[in-house]
């Protein structure tokens, strides 16, 4: 499984990537939408964890752009601003309730990844 992490909080994504790697999950991380799109152009990912509130572009807009390049890719949204409107928008957009509130625990991320990719 290859995971792309996109969040403007560098410490959060670098730490999360390190913890996922320790569990055998290949990850790449970036801190802005432009870098995310460039990486998706070059590399294949199974899932992206996207911050809902990125500078210049929100996570839902980024999801749409990534999906245009990589149909079938899965998404989990992350936010430190867990409003009900955000939750409903992300759930409606993704078709599932793949939405995590920061600070996110690695066990919660692993459980969500296992739920999404359950054989």
PDB file of N, CA and C in Angstrom:
ATOM      1  N   UNK A   1       0.850  -1.176   0.000  1.00  0.00           N
ATOM      2  CA  UNK A   1       0.000   0.000   0.000  1.00  0.00           C
ATOM      3  C   UNK A   1       0.895   1.237   0.000  1.00  0.00           C
ATOM      4  N   UNK A   2       0.599   2.171  -0.890  1.00  0.00           N
ATOM      5  CA  UNK A   2       1.331   3.446  -0.957  1.00  0.00           C
ATOM      6  C   UNK A   2       0.399   4.571  -0.545  1.00  0.00           C
ATOM      7  N   UNK A   3       0.876   5.403   0.382  1.00  0.00           N
ATOM      8  CA  UNK A   3       0.071   6.472   0.959  1.00  0.00           C
ATOM      9  C   UNK A   3       0.726   7.819   0.692  1.00  0.00           C
ATOM     10  N   UNK A   4      -0.074   8.773   0.246  1.00  0.00           N
ATOM     11  CA  UNK A   4       0.357  10.163   0.082  1.00  0.00           C
ATOM     12  C   UNK A   4      -0.264  10.981   1.204  1.00  0.00           C
ATOM     13  N   UNK A   5       0.572  11.714   1.926  1.00  0.00           N
ATOM     14  CA  UNK A   5       0.110  12.578   3.008  1.00  0.00           C
ATOM     15  C   UNK A   5       0.266  14.029   2.567  1.00  0.00           C
ATOM     16  N   UNK A   6      -0.822  14.810   2.684  1.00  0.00           N
ATOM     17  CA  UNK A   6      -0.776  16.218   2.286  1.00  0.00           C
ATOM     18  C   UNK A   6      -1.346  17.055   3.420  1.00  0.00           C
ATOM     19  N   UNK A   7      -0.461  17.831   4.057  1.00  0.00           N
ATOM     20  CA  UNK A   7      -0.872  18.710   5.153  1.00  0.00           C
ATOM     21  C   UNK A   7       0.161  19.816   5.263  1.00  0.00           C
ATOM     22  N   UNK A   8      -0.284  21.033   5.521  1.00  0.00           N
ATOM     23  CA  UNK A   8       0.653  22.144   5.618  1.00  0.00           C
ATOM     24  C   UNK A   8       1.429  22.151   6.939  1.00  0.00           C
ATOM     25  N   UNK A   9       1.107  21.259   7.844  1.00  0.00           N
ATOM     26  CA  UNK A   9       1.837  21.130   9.098  1.00  0.00           C
ATOM     27  C   UNK A   9       2.945  20.092   8.902  1.00  0.00           C
ATOM     28  N   UNK A  10       4.153  20.567   8.594  1.00  0.00           N
ATOM     29  CA  UNK A  10       5.257  19.678   8.247  1.00  0.00           C
ATOM     30  C   UNK A  10       5.573  18.672   9.346  1.00  0.00           C
ATOM     31  N   UNK A  11       5.564  19.103  10.584  1.00  0.00           N
ATOM     32  CA  UNK A  11       5.868  18.185  11.675  1.00  0.00           C
ATOM     33  C   UNK A  11       4.856  17.048  11.738  1.00  0.00           C
ATOM     34  N   UNK A  12       3.586  17.363  11.513  1.00  0.00           N
ATOM     35  CA  UNK A  12       2.533  16.346  11.554  1.00  0.00           C
ATOM     36  C   UNK A  12       2.733  15.305  10.455  1.00  0.00           C
ATOM     37  N   UNK A  13       2.928  15.760   9.207  1.00  0.00           N
ATOM     38  CA  UNK A  13       3.029  14.790   8.105  1.00  0.00           C
ATOM     39  C   UNK A  13       4.329  14.002   8.142  1.00  0.00           C
ATOM     40  N   UNK A  14       5.412  14.639   8.540  1.00  0.00           N
ATOM     41  CA  UNK A  14       6.675  13.902   8.599  1.00  0.00           C
ATOM     42  C   UNK A  14       6.625  12.839   9.692  1.00  0.00           C
ATOM     43  N   UNK A  15       6.041  13.180  10.836  1.00  0.00           N
ATOM     44  CA  UNK A  15       5.910  12.213  11.928  1.00  0.00           C
ATOM     45  C   UNK A  15       4.966  11.084  11.548  1.00  0.00           C
ATOM     46  N   UNK A  16       3.835  11.424  10.952  1.00  0.00           N
ATOM     47  CA  UNK A  16       2.873  10.403  10.535  1.00  0.00           C
ATOM     48  C   UNK A  16       3.491   9.475   9.489  1.00  0.00           C
ATOM     49  N   UNK A  17       4.230  10.034   8.540  1.00  0.00           N
ATOM     50  CA  UNK A  17       4.896   9.219   7.521  1.00  0.00           C
ATOM     51  C   UNK A  17       5.891   8.258   8.166  1.00  0.00           C
ATOM     52  N   UNK A  18       6.640   8.752   9.131  1.00  0.00           N
ATOM     53  CA  UNK A  18       7.612   7.915   9.822  1.00  0.00           C
ATOM     54  C   UNK A  18       6.924   6.769  10.567  1.00  0.00           C
ATOM     55  N   UNK A  19       5.830   7.075  11.227  1.00  0.00           N
ATOM     56  CA  UNK A  19       5.115   6.040  11.987  1.00  0.00           C
ATOM     57  C   UNK A  19       4.451   5.021  11.068  1.00  0.00           C
ATOM     58  N   UNK A  20       3.945   5.460   9.937  1.00  0.00           N
ATOM     59  CA  UNK A  20       3.377   4.513   8.974  1.00  0.00           C
ATOM     60  C   UNK A  20       4.472   3.625   8.389  1.00  0.00           C
ATOM     61  N   UNK A  21       5.620   4.221   8.084  1.00  0.00           N
ATOM     62  CA  UNK A  21       6.739   3.451   7.540  1.00  0.00           C
ATOM     63  C   UNK A  21       7.197   2.381   8.530  1.00  0.00           C
ATOM     64  N   UNK A  22       7.178   2.696   9.817  1.00  0.00           N
ATOM     65  CA  UNK A  22       7.552   1.724  10.846  1.00  0.00           C
ATOM     66  C   UNK A  22       6.597   0.537  10.857  1.00  0.00           C
ATOM     67  N   UNK A  23       5.409   0.723  10.304  1.00  0.00           N
ATOM     68  CA  UNK A  23       4.406  -0.343  10.235  1.00  0.00           C
ATOM     69  C   UNK A  23       4.362  -0.978   8.843  1.00  0.00           C
ATOM     70  N   UNK A  24       5.362  -0.682   8.034  1.00  0.00           N
ATOM     71  CA  UNK A  24       5.475  -1.314   6.726  1.00  0.00           C
ATOM     72  C   UNK A  24       4.687  -0.667   5.614  1.00  0.00           C
ATOM     73  N   UNK A  25       4.232   0.560   5.824  1.00  0.00           N
ATOM     74  CA  UNK A  25       3.442   1.245   4.798  1.00  0.00           C
ATOM     75  C   UNK A  25       4.318   2.294   4.121  1.00  0.00           C
ATOM     76  N   UNK A  26       4.426   2.183   2.806  1.00  0.00           N
ATOM     77  CA  UNK A  26       5.231   3.125   2.038  1.00  0.00           C
ATOM     78  C   UNK A  26       4.499   4.454   1.929  1.00  0.00           C
ATOM     79  N   UNK A  27       5.186   5.534   2.277  1.00  0.00           N
ATOM     80  CA  UNK A  27       4.547   6.843   2.285  1.00  0.00           C
ATOM     81  C   UNK A  27       5.411   7.889   1.590  1.00  0.00           C
ATOM     82  N   UNK A  28       4.734   8.926   1.142  1.00  0.00           N
ATOM     83  CA  UNK A  28       5.376  10.155   0.680  1.00  0.00           C
ATOM     84  C   UNK A  28       4.555  11.287   1.269  1.00  0.00           C
ATOM     85  N   UNK A  29       5.204  12.397   1.572  1.00  0.00           N
ATOM     86  CA  UNK A  29       4.456  13.516   2.133  1.00  0.00           C
ATOM     87  C   UNK A  29       4.890  14.839   1.520  1.00  0.00           C
ATOM     88  N   UNK A  30       3.931  15.742   1.443  1.00  0.00           N
ATOM     89  CA  UNK A  30       4.157  17.096   0.944  1.00  0.00           C
ATOM     90  C   UNK A  30       3.329  18.060   1.791  1.00  0.00           C
ATOM     91  N   UNK A  31       3.653  19.354   1.665  1.00  0.00           N
ATOM     92  CA  UNK A  31       2.969  20.344   2.501  1.00  0.00           C
ATOM     93  C   UNK A  31       2.118  21.336   1.718  1.00  0.00           C
ATOM     94  N   UNK A  32       1.961  21.108   0.410  1.00  0.00           N
ATOM     95  CA  UNK A  32       1.113  22.019  -0.363  1.00  0.00           C
ATOM     96  C   UNK A  32       0.491  21.276  -1.546  1.00  0.00           C
ATOM     97  N   UNK A  33      -0.543  21.872  -2.096  1.00  0.00           N
ATOM     98  CA  UNK A  33      -1.286  21.193  -3.158  1.00  0.00           C
ATOM     99  C   UNK A  33      -0.485  21.055  -4.441  1.00  0.00           C
ATOM    100  N   UNK A  34       0.365  22.027  -4.763  1.00  0.00           N
ATOM    101  CA  UNK A  34       1.154  21.946  -5.996  1.00  0.00           C
ATOM    102  C   UNK A  34       2.100  20.733  -5.967  1.00  0.00           C
ATOM    103  N   UNK A  35       2.764  20.565  -4.841  1.00  0.00           N
ATOM    104  CA  UNK A  35       3.669  19.419  -4.694  1.00  0.00           C
ATOM    105  C   UNK A  35       2.904  18.104  -4.749  1.00  0.00           C
ATOM    106  N   UNK A  36       1.709  18.093  -4.176  1.00  0.00           N
ATOM    107  CA  UNK A  36       0.877  16.884  -4.209  1.00  0.00           C
ATOM    108  C   UNK A  36       0.530  16.513  -5.650  1.00  0.00           C
ATOM    109  N   UNK A  37       0.104  17.502  -6.426  1.00  0.00           N
ATOM    110  CA  UNK A  37      -0.261  17.232  -7.819  1.00  0.00           C
ATOM    111  C   UNK A  37       0.946  16.772  -8.630  1.00  0.00           C
ATOM    112  N   UNK A  38       2.101  17.380  -8.398  1.00  0.00           N
ATOM    113  CA  UNK A  38       3.317  16.980  -9.109  1.00  0.00           C
ATOM    114  C   UNK A  38       3.694  15.542  -8.757  1.00  0.00           C
ATOM    115  N   UNK A  39       3.569  15.181  -7.507  1.00  0.00           N
ATOM    116  CA  UNK A  39       3.916  13.826  -7.073  1.00  0.00           C
ATOM    117  C   UNK A  39       2.956  12.793  -7.651  1.00  0.00           C
ATOM    118  N   UNK A  40       1.681  13.123  -7.687  1.00  0.00           N
ATOM    119  CA  UNK A  40       0.675  12.216  -8.246  1.00  0.00           C
ATOM    120  C   UNK A  40       0.899  12.022  -9.742  1.00  0.00           C
ATOM    121  N   UNK A  41       1.442  13.033 -10.411  1.00  0.00           N
ATOM    122  CA  UNK A  41       1.774  12.909 -11.837  1.00  0.00           C
ATOM    123  C   UNK A  41       2.847  11.847 -12.066  1.00  0.00           C
ATOM    124  N   UNK A  42       3.811  11.767 -11.125  1.00  0.00           N
ATOM    125  CA  UNK A  42       4.976  10.900 -11.293  1.00  0.00           C
ATOM    126  C   UNK A  42       4.830   9.529 -10.654  1.00  0.00           C
ATOM    127  N   UNK A  43       4.062   9.444  -9.574  1.00  0.00           N
ATOM    128  CA  UNK A  43       4.014   8.216  -8.792  1.00  0.00           C
ATOM    129  C   UNK A  43       2.587   7.744  -8.569  1.00  0.00           C
ATOM    130  N   UNK A  44       2.464   6.449  -8.336  1.00  0.00           N
ATOM    131  CA  UNK A  44       1.159   5.825  -8.071  1.00  0.00           C
ATOM    132  C   UNK A  44       0.963   5.697  -6.566  1.00  0.00           C
ATOM    133  N   UNK A  45      -0.216   6.073  -6.088  1.00  0.00           N
ATOM    134  CA  UNK A  45      -0.580   5.928  -4.681  1.00  0.00           C
ATOM    135  C   UNK A  45      -1.934   5.231  -4.609  1.00  0.00           C
ATOM    136  N   UNK A  46      -2.141   4.487  -3.537  1.00  0.00           N
ATOM    137  CA  UNK A  46      -3.422   3.825  -3.320  1.00  0.00           C
ATOM    138  C   UNK A  46      -4.406   4.739  -2.600  1.00  0.00           C
ATOM    139  N   UNK A  47      -3.854   5.593  -1.748  1.00  0.00           N
ATOM    140  CA  UNK A  47      -4.706   6.438  -0.914  1.00  0.00           C
ATOM    141  C   UNK A  47      -3.974   7.725  -0.573  1.00  0.00           C
ATOM    142  N   UNK A  48      -4.745   8.789  -0.387  1.00  0.00           N
ATOM    143  CA  UNK A  48      -4.188  10.066   0.057  1.00  0.00           C
ATOM    144  C   UNK A  48      -4.907  10.501   1.328  1.00  0.00           C
ATOM    145  N   UNK A  49      -4.131  10.967   2.288  1.00  0.00           N
ATOM    146  CA  UNK A  49      -4.676  11.598   3.479  1.00  0.00           C
ATOM    147  C   UNK A  49      -4.513  13.091   3.257  1.00  0.00           C
ATOM    148  N   UNK A  50      -5.623  13.798   3.120  1.00  0.00           N
ATOM    149  CA  UNK A  50      -5.612  15.209   2.754  1.00  0.00           C
ATOM    150  C   UNK A  50      -6.130  16.082   3.882  1.00  0.00           C
ATOM    151  N   UNK A  51      -5.398  17.140   4.174  1.00  0.00           N
ATOM    152  CA  UNK A  51      -5.885  18.147   5.101  1.00  0.00           C
ATOM    153  C   UNK A  51      -7.061  18.860   4.440  1.00  0.00           C
ATOM    154  N   UNK A  52      -8.128  19.056   5.172  1.00  0.00           N
ATOM    155  CA  UNK A  52      -9.302  19.737   4.622  1.00  0.00           C
ATOM    156  C   UNK A  52      -8.981  21.196   4.324  1.00  0.00           C
ATOM    157  N   UNK A  53      -8.177  21.817   5.178  1.00  0.00           N
ATOM    158  CA  UNK A  53      -7.906  23.250   5.033  1.00  0.00           C
ATOM    159  C   UNK A  53      -6.434  23.503   4.712  1.00  0.00           C
ATOM    160  N   UNK A  54      -6.115  23.362   3.440  1.00  0.00           N
ATOM    161  CA  UNK A  54      -4.784  23.694   2.950  1.00  0.00           C
ATOM    162  C   UNK A  54      -4.761  25.156   2.513  1.00  0.00           C
ATOM    163  N   UNK A  55      -3.600  25.805   2.566  1.00  0.00           N
ATOM    164  CA  UNK A  55      -3.508  27.161   2.008  1.00  0.00           C
ATOM    165  C   UNK A  55      -3.749  27.120   0.499  1.00  0.00           C
ATOM    166  N   UNK A  56      -4.454  28.082  -0.011  1.00  0.00           N
ATOM    167  CA  UNK A  56      -4.714  28.265  -1.448  1.00  0.00           C
ATOM    168  C   UNK A  56      -5.725  27.303  -2.054  1.00  0.00           C
ATOM    169  N   UNK A  57      -5.918  26.129  -1.468  1.00  0.00           N
ATOM    170  CA  UNK A  57      -6.874  25.161  -2.022  1.00  0.00           C
ATOM    171  C   UNK A  57      -7.302  24.226  -0.901  1.00  0.00           C
ATOM    172  N   UNK A  58      -8.601  23.952  -0.817  1.00  0.00           N
ATOM    173  CA  UNK A  58      -9.010  23.029   0.249  1.00  0.00           C
ATOM    174  C   UNK A  58      -8.864  21.571  -0.205  1.00  0.00           C
ATOM    175  N   UNK A  59      -8.957  20.690   0.761  1.00  0.00           N
ATOM    176  CA  UNK A  59      -8.754  19.274   0.494  1.00  0.00           C
ATOM    177  C   UNK A  59      -9.754  18.673  -0.482  1.00  0.00           C
ATOM    178  N   UNK A  60     -10.990  19.162  -0.462  1.00  0.00           N
ATOM    179  CA  UNK A  60     -11.992  18.643  -1.404  1.00  0.00           C
ATOM    180  C   UNK A  60     -11.654  19.018  -2.846  1.00  0.00           C
ATOM    181  N   UNK A  61     -11.176  20.249  -3.040  1.00  0.00           N
ATOM    182  CA  UNK A  61     -10.771  20.662  -4.388  1.00  0.00           C
ATOM    183  C   UNK A  61      -9.565  19.841  -4.852  1.00  0.00           C
ATOM    184  N   UNK A  62      -8.612  19.634  -3.952  1.00  0.00           N
ATOM    185  CA  UNK A  62      -7.439  18.841  -4.294  1.00  0.00           C
ATOM    186  C   UNK A  62      -7.834  17.407  -4.623  1.00  0.00           C
ATOM    187  N   UNK A  63      -8.760  16.857  -3.881  1.00  0.00           N
ATOM    188  CA  UNK A  63      -9.244  15.493  -4.148  1.00  0.00           C
ATOM    189  C   UNK A  63      -9.770  15.389  -5.583  1.00  0.00           C
ATOM    190  N   UNK A  64     -10.546  16.361  -5.998  1.00  0.00           N
ATOM    191  CA  UNK A  64     -11.111  16.334  -7.350  1.00  0.00           C
ATOM    192  C   UNK A  64     -10.008  16.357  -8.423  1.00  0.00           C
ATOM    193  N   UNK A  65      -8.974  17.176  -8.197  1.00  0.00           N
ATOM    194  CA  UNK A  65      -7.874  17.252  -9.156  1.00  0.00           C
ATOM    195  C   UNK A  65      -7.074  15.948  -9.194  1.00  0.00           C
ATOM    196  N   UNK A  66      -6.846  15.370  -8.025  1.00  0.00           N
ATOM    197  CA  UNK A  66      -6.115  14.098  -7.976  1.00  0.00           C
ATOM    198  C   UNK A  66      -6.926  12.993  -8.641  1.00  0.00           C
ATOM    199  N   UNK A  67      -8.224  12.952  -8.363  1.00  0.00           N
ATOM    200  CA  UNK A  67      -9.089  11.917  -8.972  1.00  0.00           C
ATOM    201  C   UNK A  67      -9.077  11.995 -10.495  1.00  0.00           C
ATOM    202  N   UNK A  68      -8.980  13.209 -11.028  1.00  0.00           N
ATOM    203  CA  UNK A  68      -8.933  13.359 -12.483  1.00  0.00           C
ATOM    204  C   UNK A  68      -7.669  12.709 -13.054  1.00  0.00           C
ATOM    205  N   UNK A  69      -6.599  12.729 -12.286  1.00  0.00           N
ATOM    206  CA  UNK A  69      -5.336  12.125 -12.724  1.00  0.00           C
ATOM    207  C   UNK A  69      -5.247  10.654 -12.362  1.00  0.00           C
ATOM    208  N   UNK A  70      -5.840  10.274 -11.238  1.00  0.00           N
ATOM    209  CA  UNK A  70      -5.743   8.907 -10.718  1.00  0.00           C
ATOM    210  C   UNK A  70      -7.114   8.388 -10.287  1.00  0.00           C
ATOM    211  N   UNK A  71      -7.979   8.059 -11.240  1.00  0.00           N
ATOM    212  CA  UNK A  71      -9.297   7.527 -10.882  1.00  0.00           C
ATOM    213  C   UNK A  71      -9.153   6.270 -10.024  1.00  0.00           C
ATOM    214  N   UNK A  72     -10.026   6.141  -9.073  1.00  0.00           N
ATOM    215  CA  UNK A  72     -10.014   4.962  -8.219  1.00  0.00           C
ATOM    216  C   UNK A  72      -9.184   5.113  -6.963  1.00  0.00           C
ATOM    217  N   UNK A  73      -8.427   6.186  -6.871  1.00  0.00           N
ATOM    218  CA  UNK A  73      -7.640   6.419  -5.656  1.00  0.00           C
ATOM    219  C   UNK A  73      -8.587   6.697  -4.498  1.00  0.00           C
ATOM    220  N   UNK A  74      -8.214   6.262  -3.306  1.00  0.00           N
ATOM    221  CA  UNK A  74      -9.027   6.452  -2.104  1.00  0.00           C
ATOM    222  C   UNK A  74      -8.520   7.674  -1.341  1.00  0.00           C
ATOM    223  N   UNK A  75      -9.396   8.213  -0.460  1.00  0.00           N
ATOM    224  CA  UNK A  75      -9.053   9.422   0.274  1.00  0.00           C
ATOM    225  C   UNK A  75      -9.545   9.351   1.719  1.00  0.00           C
ATOM    226  N   UNK A  76      -8.733   9.903   2.610  1.00  0.00           N
ATOM    227  CA  UNK A  76      -9.122  10.158   3.990  1.00  0.00           C
ATOM    228  C   UNK A  76      -8.848  11.637   4.218  1.00  0.00           C
ATOM    229  N   UNK A  77      -9.799  12.322   4.817  1.00  0.00           N
ATOM    230  CA  UNK A  77      -9.631  13.742   5.109  1.00  0.00           C
ATOM    231  C   UNK A  77      -9.220  13.936   6.562  1.00  0.00           C
ATOM    232  N   UNK A  78      -8.313  14.885   6.776  1.00  0.00           N
ATOM    233  CA  UNK A  78      -7.849  15.240   8.110  1.00  0.00           C
ATOM    234  C   UNK A  78      -8.206  16.693   8.372  1.00  0.00           C
ATOM    235  N   UNK A  79      -8.603  16.995   9.598  1.00  0.00           N
ATOM    236  CA  UNK A  79      -8.828  18.388   9.939  1.00  0.00           C
ATOM    237  C   UNK A  79      -8.630  18.627  11.420  1.00  0.00           C
ATOM    238  N   UNK A  80      -8.162  19.815  11.712  1.00  0.00           N
ATOM    239  CA  UNK A  80      -8.081  20.274  13.088  1.00  0.00           C
ATOM    240  C   UNK A  80      -9.289  21.124  13.424  1.00  0.00           C
ATOM    241  N   UNK A  81     -10.131  21.324  12.431  1.00  0.00           N
ATOM    242  CA  UNK A  81     -11.336  22.142  12.577  1.00  0.00           C
ATOM    243  C   UNK A  81     -12.534  21.250  12.297  1.00  0.00           C
ATOM    244  N   UNK A  82     -12.866  20.403  13.230  1.00  0.00           N
ATOM    245  CA  UNK A  82     -13.863  19.370  13.009  1.00  0.00           C
ATOM    246  C   UNK A  82     -15.296  19.857  13.085  1.00  0.00           C
ATOM    247  N   UNK A  83     -15.655  20.737  12.157  1.00  0.00           N
ATOM    248  CA  UNK A  83     -17.031  21.217  12.158  1.00  0.00           C
ATOM    249  C   UNK A  83     -17.945  20.190  11.501  1.00  0.00           C
ATOM    250  N   UNK A  84     -19.193  20.243  11.853  1.00  0.00           N
ATOM    251  CA  UNK A  84     -20.175  19.327  11.275  1.00  0.00           C
ATOM    252  C   UNK A  84     -20.310  19.560   9.772  1.00  0.00           C
ATOM    253  N   UNK A  85     -20.190  20.825   9.330  1.00  0.00           N
ATOM    254  CA  UNK A  85     -20.283  21.110   7.890  1.00  0.00           C
ATOM    255  C   UNK A  85     -19.142  20.444   7.132  1.00  0.00           C
ATOM    256  N   UNK A  86     -17.914  20.540   7.681  1.00  0.00           N
ATOM    257  CA  UNK A  86     -16.776  19.888   7.043  1.00  0.00           C
ATOM    258  C   UNK A  86     -17.002  18.385   6.958  1.00  0.00           C
ATOM    259  N   UNK A  87     -17.452  17.804   8.051  1.00  0.00           N
ATOM    260  CA  UNK A  87     -17.681  16.363   8.099  1.00  0.00           C
ATOM    261  C   UNK A  87     -18.701  15.945   7.043  1.00  0.00           C
ATOM    262  N   UNK A  88     -19.812  16.668   6.954  1.00  0.00           N
ATOM    263  CA  UNK A  88     -20.852  16.332   5.978  1.00  0.00           C
ATOM    264  C   UNK A  88     -20.340  16.494   4.541  1.00  0.00           C
ATOM    265  N   UNK A  89     -19.595  17.563   4.289  1.00  0.00           N
ATOM    266  CA  UNK A  89     -19.075  17.806   2.938  1.00  0.00           C
ATOM    267  C   UNK A  89     -18.108  16.699   2.527  1.00  0.00           C
ATOM    268  N   UNK A  90     -17.203  16.341   3.412  1.00  0.00           N
ATOM    269  CA  UNK A  90     -16.227  15.294   3.089  1.00  0.00           C
ATOM    270  C   UNK A  90     -16.902  13.943   2.925  1.00  0.00           C
ATOM    271  N   UNK A  91     -17.848  13.643   3.781  1.00  0.00           N
ATOM    272  CA  UNK A  91     -18.560  12.369   3.694  1.00  0.00           C
ATOM    273  C   UNK A  91     -19.356  12.282   2.403  1.00  0.00           C
ATOM    274  N   UNK A  92     -20.039  13.354   2.042  1.00  0.00           N
ATOM    275  CA  UNK A  92     -20.819  13.358   0.811  1.00  0.00           C
ATOM    276  C   UNK A  92     -19.903  13.229  -0.399  1.00  0.00           C
ATOM    277  N   UNK A  93     -18.775  13.905  -0.359  1.00  0.00           N
ATOM    278  CA  UNK A  93     -17.828  13.891  -1.476  1.00  0.00           C
ATOM    279  C   UNK A  93     -17.199  12.516  -1.636  1.00  0.00           C
ATOM    280  N   UNK A  94     -16.813  11.897  -0.539  1.00  0.00           N
ATOM    281  CA  UNK A  94     -16.088  10.636  -0.621  1.00  0.00           C
ATOM    282  C   UNK A  94     -17.015   9.440  -0.721  1.00  0.00           C
ATOM    283  N   UNK A  95     -18.265   9.629  -0.330  1.00  0.00           N
ATOM    284  CA  UNK A  95     -19.196   8.515  -0.327  1.00  0.00           C
ATOM    285  C   UNK A  95     -19.049   7.657   0.914  1.00  0.00           C
ATOM    286  N   UNK A  96     -18.106   7.985   1.747  1.00  0.00           N
ATOM    287  CA  UNK A  96     -17.855   7.261   2.987  1.00  0.00           C
ATOM    288  C   UNK A  96     -17.510   8.267   4.068  1.00  0.00           C
ATOM    289  N   UNK A  97     -17.471   7.807   5.280  1.00  0.00           N
ATOM    290  CA  UNK A  97     -17.108   8.683   6.383  1.00  0.00           C
ATOM    291  C   UNK A  97     -15.632   8.509   6.710  1.00  0.00           C
ATOM    292  N   UNK A  98     -14.787   8.820   5.736  1.00  0.00           N
ATOM    293  CA  UNK A  98     -13.349   8.721   5.909  1.00  0.00           C
ATOM    294  C   UNK A  98     -12.834  10.104   6.292  1.00  0.00           C
ATOM    295  N   UNK A  99     -12.913  10.399   7.555  1.00  0.00           N
ATOM    296  CA  UNK A  99     -12.664  11.729   8.056  1.00  0.00           C
ATOM    297  C   UNK A  99     -12.087  11.606   9.452  1.00  0.00           C
ATOM    298  N   UNK A 100     -10.889  12.156   9.682  1.00  0.00           N
ATOM    299  CA  UNK A 100     -10.241  12.048  10.981  1.00  0.00           C
ATOM    300  C   UNK A 100      -9.937  13.433  11.542  1.00  0.00           C
ATOM    301  N   UNK A 101     -10.079  13.568  12.843  1.00  0.00           N
ATOM    302  CA  UNK A 101      -9.836  14.826  13.530  1.00  0.00           C
ATOM    303  C   UNK A 101      -8.400  14.834  14.068  1.00  0.00           C
ATOM    304  N   UNK A 102      -7.682  15.929  13.811  1.00  0.00           N
ATOM    305  CA  UNK A 102      -6.335  16.104  14.348  1.00  0.00           C
ATOM    306  C   UNK A 102      -6.422  16.594  15.791  1.00  0.00           C
ATOM    307  N   UNK A 103      -5.475  16.253  16.629  1.00  0.00           N
ATOM    308  CA  UNK A 103      -4.326  15.409  16.345  1.00  0.00           C
ATOM    309  C   UNK A 103      -4.769  13.954  16.201  1.00  0.00           C
ATOM    310  N   UNK A 104      -4.299  13.311  15.171  1.00  0.00           N
ATOM    311  CA  UNK A 104      -4.725  11.958  14.855  1.00  0.00           C
ATOM    312  C   UNK A 104      -3.733  10.955  15.453  1.00  0.00           C
ATOM    313  N   UNK A 105      -4.264   9.902  15.994  1.00  0.00           N
ATOM    314  CA  UNK A 105      -3.443   8.837  16.571  1.00  0.00           C
ATOM    315  C   UNK A 105      -3.129   7.815  15.488  1.00  0.00           C
ATOM    316  N   UNK A 106      -1.906   7.296  15.502  1.00  0.00           N
ATOM    317  CA  UNK A 106      -1.483   6.347  14.479  1.00  0.00           C
ATOM    318  C   UNK A 106      -2.368   5.104  14.464  1.00  0.00           C
ATOM    319  N   UNK A 107      -2.848   4.673  15.618  1.00  0.00           N
ATOM    320  CA  UNK A 107      -3.718   3.496  15.676  1.00  0.00           C
ATOM    321  C   UNK A 107      -5.034   3.758  14.946  1.00  0.00           C
ATOM    322  N   UNK A 108      -5.519   4.992  15.027  1.00  0.00           N
ATOM    323  CA  UNK A 108      -6.762   5.360  14.342  1.00  0.00           C
ATOM    324  C   UNK A 108      -6.535   5.364  12.824  1.00  0.00           C
ATOM    325  N   UNK A 109      -5.405   5.900  12.402  1.00  0.00           N
ATOM    326  CA  UNK A 109      -5.085   5.911  10.969  1.00  0.00           C
ATOM    327  C   UNK A 109      -4.958   4.480  10.456  1.00  0.00           C
ATOM    328  N   UNK A 110      -4.242   3.649  11.189  1.00  0.00           N
ATOM    329  CA  UNK A 110      -4.076   2.247  10.776  1.00  0.00           C
ATOM    330  C   UNK A 110      -5.418   1.531  10.690  1.00  0.00           C
ATOM    331  N   UNK A 111      -6.285   1.763  11.660  1.00  0.00           N
ATOM    332  CA  UNK A 111      -7.610   1.135  11.649  1.00  0.00           C
ATOM    333  C   UNK A 111      -8.400   1.578  10.419  1.00  0.00           C
ATOM    334  N   UNK A 112      -8.328   2.859  10.084  1.00  0.00           N
ATOM    335  CA  UNK A 112      -9.048   3.367   8.918  1.00  0.00           C
ATOM    336  C   UNK A 112      -8.474   2.793   7.626  1.00  0.00           C
ATOM    337  N   UNK A 113      -7.144   2.720   7.530  1.00  0.00           N
ATOM    338  CA  UNK A 113      -6.522   2.123   6.345  1.00  0.00           C
ATOM    339  C   UNK A 113      -6.925   0.659   6.200  1.00  0.00           C
ATOM    340  N   UNK A 114      -6.911  -0.070   7.296  1.00  0.00           N
ATOM    341  CA  UNK A 114      -7.323  -1.488   7.255  1.00  0.00           C
ATOM    342  C   UNK A 114      -8.783  -1.624   6.885  1.00  0.00           C
ATOM    343  N   UNK A 115      -9.621  -0.716   7.348  1.00  0.00           N
ATOM    344  CA  UNK A 115     -11.050  -0.753   7.001  1.00  0.00           C
ATOM    345  C   UNK A 115     -11.239  -0.529   5.493  1.00  0.00           C
ATOM    346  N   UNK A 116     -10.525   0.431   4.954  1.00  0.00           N
ATOM    347  CA  UNK A 116     -10.663   0.765   3.538  1.00  0.00           C
ATOM    348  C   UNK A 116     -10.131  -0.339   2.639  1.00  0.00           C
ATOM    349  N   UNK A 117      -9.021  -0.951   3.042  1.00  0.00           N
ATOM    350  CA  UNK A 117      -8.372  -1.957   2.203  1.00  0.00           C
ATOM    351  C   UNK A 117      -8.568  -3.375   2.704  1.00  0.00           C
ATOM    352  N   UNK A 118      -9.635  -3.598   3.437  1.00  0.00           N
ATOM    353  CA  UNK A 118      -9.943  -4.945   3.920  1.00  0.00           C
ATOM    354  C   UNK A 118     -10.178  -5.857   2.732  1.00  0.00           C
ATOM    355  N   UNK A 119      -9.484  -7.018   2.712  1.00  0.00           N
ATOM    356  CA  UNK A 119      -9.659  -7.946   1.575  1.00  0.00           C
ATOM    357  C   UNK A 119     -11.031  -8.584   1.550  1.00  0.00           C
TER     358      UNK A 119
END
